[in-house]
Amino acid sequence: YKELSLRENCPIVGMIAHFYPSKSGMDLKGHKIFVKAAKKVLEDYKNTHFVIVGTDKLGGNYMSQVREYVQKLGLDNCVHFLGLRHDIPNILDSLSCLVLPSIVREGFGMVLIEAMARGIPVIGSNIGGIPEIIEDGKTGLLVPPGDPDALAEAIAFILSNLEEAKKMGTAGRRRVEEKFTAEIMARNYELLFYQLVGKSEK
């Protein structure tokens, strides 16, 4: 809050993802979808702010394109680019919810697990490995990929249903503790190894 000169009770919606445009220019992680949704949310929740954490990967300049898009929509004062950060836990703790609006090719989405582990409500695209992490309506919300209107509705739901959002955060933390700790993940990989080599576990 202090870094952005925001009031402490101001809702903040975050997206943590590096900028990965495809060769065809497709917005792989959904940054522009996030910005479009932000514009729609701001129609009813005018004091909300949106932060994007991450930087360009693969030597591209896609972040500058997204910045220009934010300026084009007149959202400079509400959408903030934080760049590459090493204080992700602190950023997560300041969020009303975390969003991962990937459009294609999302293998797992570790940032969702990190947010859930801290009790932060999450919203993700119903694509790839994300549905394995988020139980829709229980530990977070799933939205169709590439649909800014659906994403805006999900964000608005979190912002307008604080008690329900808190329950999702609590359920999300519990799900991480039950299924996604380092020990559990290691055990699952071990079982997968035995299955692949065709051996029975001793």
Protein backbone atom coordinates (compact mmCIF):
# COMPACT_ATOMS: atom_id res chain seq x y z
CA TYR A 1 0.00 0.00 0.00
CA LYS A 2 2.70 2.46 1.00
CA GLU A 3 4.70 1.80 -2.16
CA LEU A 4 1.71 2.73 -4.32
CA SER A 5 0.42 5.44 -1.95
CA LEU A 6 -2.87 3.60 -1.49
CA ARG A 7 -5.22 3.57 1.48
CA GLU A 8 -4.91 0.37 3.53
CA ASN A 9 -8.57 -0.58 3.04
CA CYS A 10 -8.31 -0.26 -0.74
CA PRO A 11 -9.07 -3.52 -2.63
CA ILE A 12 -6.09 -4.76 -4.66
CA VAL A 13 -6.40 -7.45 -7.32
CA GLY A 14 -3.14 -9.01 -8.44
CA MET A 15 -1.67 -10.94 -11.32
CA ILE A 16 1.77 -12.51 -10.96
CA ALA A 17 3.09 -13.82 -14.27
CA HIS A 18 5.93 -13.05 -16.63
CA PHE A 19 5.08 -11.68 -20.06
CA TYR A 20 5.09 -14.51 -22.62
CA PRO A 21 3.65 -13.55 -26.00
CA SER A 22 3.61 -16.33 -28.56
CA LYS A 23 5.25 -15.98 -31.95
CA SER A 24 1.83 -15.09 -33.35
CA GLY A 25 1.44 -12.36 -30.72
CA MET A 26 -1.12 -14.26 -28.63
CA ASP A 27 -1.29 -13.14 -25.01
CA LEU A 28 -0.37 -16.49 -23.42
CA LYS A 29 -0.78 -15.50 -19.76
CA GLY A 30 -3.79 -13.26 -20.37
CA HIS A 31 -2.36 -9.88 -19.36
CA LYS A 32 -4.64 -7.95 -21.70
CA ILE A 33 -7.61 -10.03 -20.54
CA PHE A 34 -6.71 -8.96 -17.00
CA VAL A 35 -6.60 -5.30 -18.06
CA LYS A 36 -9.92 -5.54 -19.92
CA ALA A 37 -11.51 -7.12 -16.86
CA ALA A 38 -10.04 -4.37 -14.67
CA LYS A 39 -11.72 -1.70 -16.77
CA LYS A 40 -15.08 -3.43 -16.40
CA VAL A 41 -14.68 -3.98 -12.64
CA LEU A 42 -13.81 -0.31 -12.14
CA GLU A 43 -17.23 0.69 -13.46
CA ASP A 44 -18.77 -0.48 -10.17
CA TYR A 45 -15.75 -0.73 -7.84
CA LYS A 46 -14.02 2.57 -8.51
CA ASN A 47 -11.54 2.43 -5.62
CA THR A 48 -10.07 -0.92 -6.70
CA HIS A 49 -6.46 -1.13 -7.85
CA PHE A 50 -4.78 -3.79 -9.97
CA VAL A 51 -1.13 -4.85 -9.81
CA ILE A 52 0.88 -6.86 -12.31
CA VAL A 53 4.09 -8.52 -11.12
CA GLY A 54 6.52 -9.90 -13.69
CA THR A 55 8.82 -8.93 -16.49
CA ASP A 56 9.49 -9.80 -20.13
CA LYS A 57 10.78 -13.28 -20.91
CA LEU A 58 12.43 -14.69 -24.02
CA GLY A 59 13.87 -11.28 -24.87
CA GLY A 60 10.54 -9.77 -25.84
CA ASN A 61 9.01 -6.35 -25.22
CA TYR A 62 5.46 -7.47 -24.55
CA MET A 63 5.29 -5.66 -21.22
CA SER A 64 5.63 -2.31 -22.99
CA GLN A 65 2.73 -3.30 -25.27
CA VAL A 66 0.56 -4.06 -22.27
CA ARG A 67 1.58 -0.74 -20.69
CA GLU A 68 0.50 1.05 -23.86
CA TYR A 69 -2.79 -0.83 -23.76
CA VAL A 70 -3.35 0.30 -20.16
CA GLN A 71 -2.71 3.89 -21.21
CA LYS A 72 -5.05 3.52 -24.17
CA LEU A 73 -7.86 2.44 -21.82
CA GLY A 74 -7.07 5.31 -19.43
CA LEU A 75 -6.21 3.03 -16.53
CA ASP A 76 -2.77 4.44 -15.66
CA ASN A 77 -3.85 5.42 -12.15
CA CYS A 78 -5.45 2.05 -11.36
CA VAL A 79 -3.21 -0.57 -12.98
CA HIS A 80 0.33 -0.75 -11.59
CA PHE A 81 3.33 -2.61 -13.00
CA LEU A 82 5.65 -3.82 -10.23
CA GLY A 83 8.21 -5.61 -12.40
CA LEU A 84 10.40 -8.43 -11.11
CA ARG A 85 10.02 -8.80 -7.36
CA HIS A 86 11.58 -10.85 -4.59
CA ASP A 87 8.95 -10.08 -1.95
CA ILE A 88 6.07 -12.12 -3.40
CA PRO A 89 4.73 -13.22 0.02
CA ASN A 90 4.34 -9.58 1.07
CA ILE A 91 2.59 -8.74 -2.18
CA LEU A 92 0.24 -11.72 -1.86
CA ASP A 93 -0.72 -10.69 1.67
CA SER A 94 -1.86 -7.30 0.37
CA LEU A 95 -4.23 -8.75 -2.24
CA SER A 96 -8.00 -9.13 -2.12
CA CYS A 97 -7.56 -11.90 -4.69
CA LEU A 98 -5.00 -13.30 -7.10
CA VAL A 99 -5.86 -13.86 -10.76
CA LEU A 100 -4.19 -16.16 -13.30
CA PRO A 101 -6.12 -15.64 -16.58
CA SER A 102 -3.98 -17.84 -18.83
CA ILE A 103 -5.31 -18.35 -22.34
CA VAL A 104 -3.27 -21.37 -23.46
CA ARG A 105 -0.67 -23.81 -22.18
CA GLU A 106 -0.82 -23.44 -18.41
CA GLY A 107 0.86 -26.52 -17.01
CA PHE A 108 0.23 -26.10 -13.30
CA GLY A 109 0.20 -22.54 -11.98
CA MET A 110 2.44 -22.59 -8.89
CA VAL A 111 1.55 -18.99 -8.07
CA LEU A 112 -2.01 -20.14 -7.36
CA ILE A 113 -0.73 -22.61 -4.78
CA GLU A 114 1.45 -19.92 -3.21
CA ALA A 115 -1.55 -17.62 -2.87
CA MET A 116 -3.84 -20.35 -1.56
CA ALA A 117 -1.22 -21.33 1.03
CA ARG A 118 -1.53 -17.79 2.41
CA GLY A 119 -5.33 -17.88 2.44
CA ILE A 120 -5.76 -15.56 -0.56
CA PRO A 121 -8.84 -16.16 -2.77
CA VAL A 122 -7.82 -17.13 -6.30
CA ILE A 123 -9.34 -16.94 -9.77
CA GLY A 124 -7.94 -18.95 -12.67
CA SER A 125 -8.75 -19.96 -16.22
CA ASN A 126 -10.43 -23.31 -16.66
CA ILE A 127 -7.52 -24.64 -18.67
CA GLY A 128 -4.54 -26.98 -18.36
CA GLY A 129 -3.61 -27.89 -14.81
CA ILE A 130 -5.46 -25.02 -13.14
CA PRO A 131 -8.69 -27.02 -12.50
CA GLU A 132 -6.55 -29.54 -10.61
CA ILE A 133 -5.66 -26.78 -8.17
CA ILE A 134 -8.87 -24.76 -7.89
CA GLU A 135 -12.14 -26.37 -6.84
CA ASP A 136 -14.59 -23.98 -8.47
CA GLY A 137 -16.75 -22.22 -5.90
CA LYS A 138 -14.91 -23.88 -2.99
CA THR A 139 -11.25 -22.92 -3.01
CA GLY A 140 -11.55 -20.26 -5.71
CA LEU A 141 -13.25 -19.51 -9.00
CA LEU A 142 -12.69 -20.85 -12.51
CA VAL A 143 -13.49 -18.77 -15.60
CA PRO A 144 -13.38 -19.55 -19.34
CA PRO A 145 -10.00 -18.63 -20.85
CA GLY A 146 -9.96 -15.45 -22.91
CA ASP A 147 -13.22 -14.11 -21.45
CA PRO A 148 -12.69 -10.70 -19.76
CA ASP A 149 -16.40 -10.34 -18.91
CA ALA A 150 -16.44 -13.64 -17.01
CA LEU A 151 -13.21 -12.68 -15.27
CA ALA A 152 -14.65 -9.29 -14.28
CA GLU A 153 -17.74 -11.01 -12.86
CA ALA A 154 -15.56 -13.36 -10.81
CA ILE A 155 -13.47 -10.47 -9.45
CA ALA A 156 -16.63 -8.51 -8.63
CA PHE A 157 -17.99 -11.54 -6.77
CA ILE A 158 -14.87 -11.69 -4.58
CA LEU A 159 -14.98 -7.94 -3.90
CA SER A 160 -18.67 -7.90 -3.03
CA ASN A 161 -18.81 -11.14 -1.01
CA LEU A 162 -16.06 -10.71 1.54
CA GLU A 163 -17.26 -13.45 3.87
CA GLU A 164 -17.53 -15.97 1.03
CA ALA A 165 -14.11 -14.89 -0.25
CA LYS A 166 -12.65 -15.46 3.21
CA LYS A 167 -14.14 -18.97 3.26
CA MET A 168 -12.57 -19.70 -0.13
CA GLY A 169 -9.21 -18.51 1.16
CA THR A 170 -9.46 -20.75 4.20
CA ALA A 171 -10.54 -23.73 2.08
CA GLY A 172 -7.72 -23.01 -0.35
CA ARG A 173 -5.12 -23.09 2.43
CA ARG A 174 -6.55 -26.39 3.65
CA ARG A 175 -6.41 -27.87 0.14
CA VAL A 176 -2.74 -26.92 -0.21
CA GLU A 177 -1.94 -28.49 3.15
CA GLU A 178 -3.73 -31.69 2.12
CA LYS A 179 -2.53 -32.05 -1.48
CA PHE A 180 0.29 -29.70 -2.45
CA THR A 181 2.97 -29.65 0.25
CA ALA A 182 6.52 -30.48 -0.85
CA GLU A 183 6.35 -33.85 0.92
CA ILE A 184 3.06 -34.81 -0.73
CA MET A 185 4.27 -33.72 -4.16
CA ALA A 186 7.48 -35.73 -3.75
CA ARG A 187 5.46 -38.78 -2.76
CA ASN A 188 3.22 -38.40 -5.80
CA TYR A 189 6.25 -38.20 -8.09
CA GLU A 190 7.65 -41.34 -6.48
CA LEU A 191 4.39 -43.21 -7.11
CA LEU A 192 4.35 -41.96 -10.69
CA PHE A 193 7.91 -43.21 -11.16
CA TYR A 194 6.94 -46.71 -10.02
CA GLN A 195 3.97 -46.69 -12.37
CA LEU A 196 6.11 -45.63 -15.33
CA VAL A 197 8.76 -48.29 -14.78
CA GLY A 198 6.14 -50.91 -14.17
CA LYS A 199 7.27 -51.90 -10.71
CA SER A 200 5.21 -52.42 -7.61
CA GLU A 201 6.00 -50.29 -4.60
CA LYS A 202 7.76 -52.24 -1.87
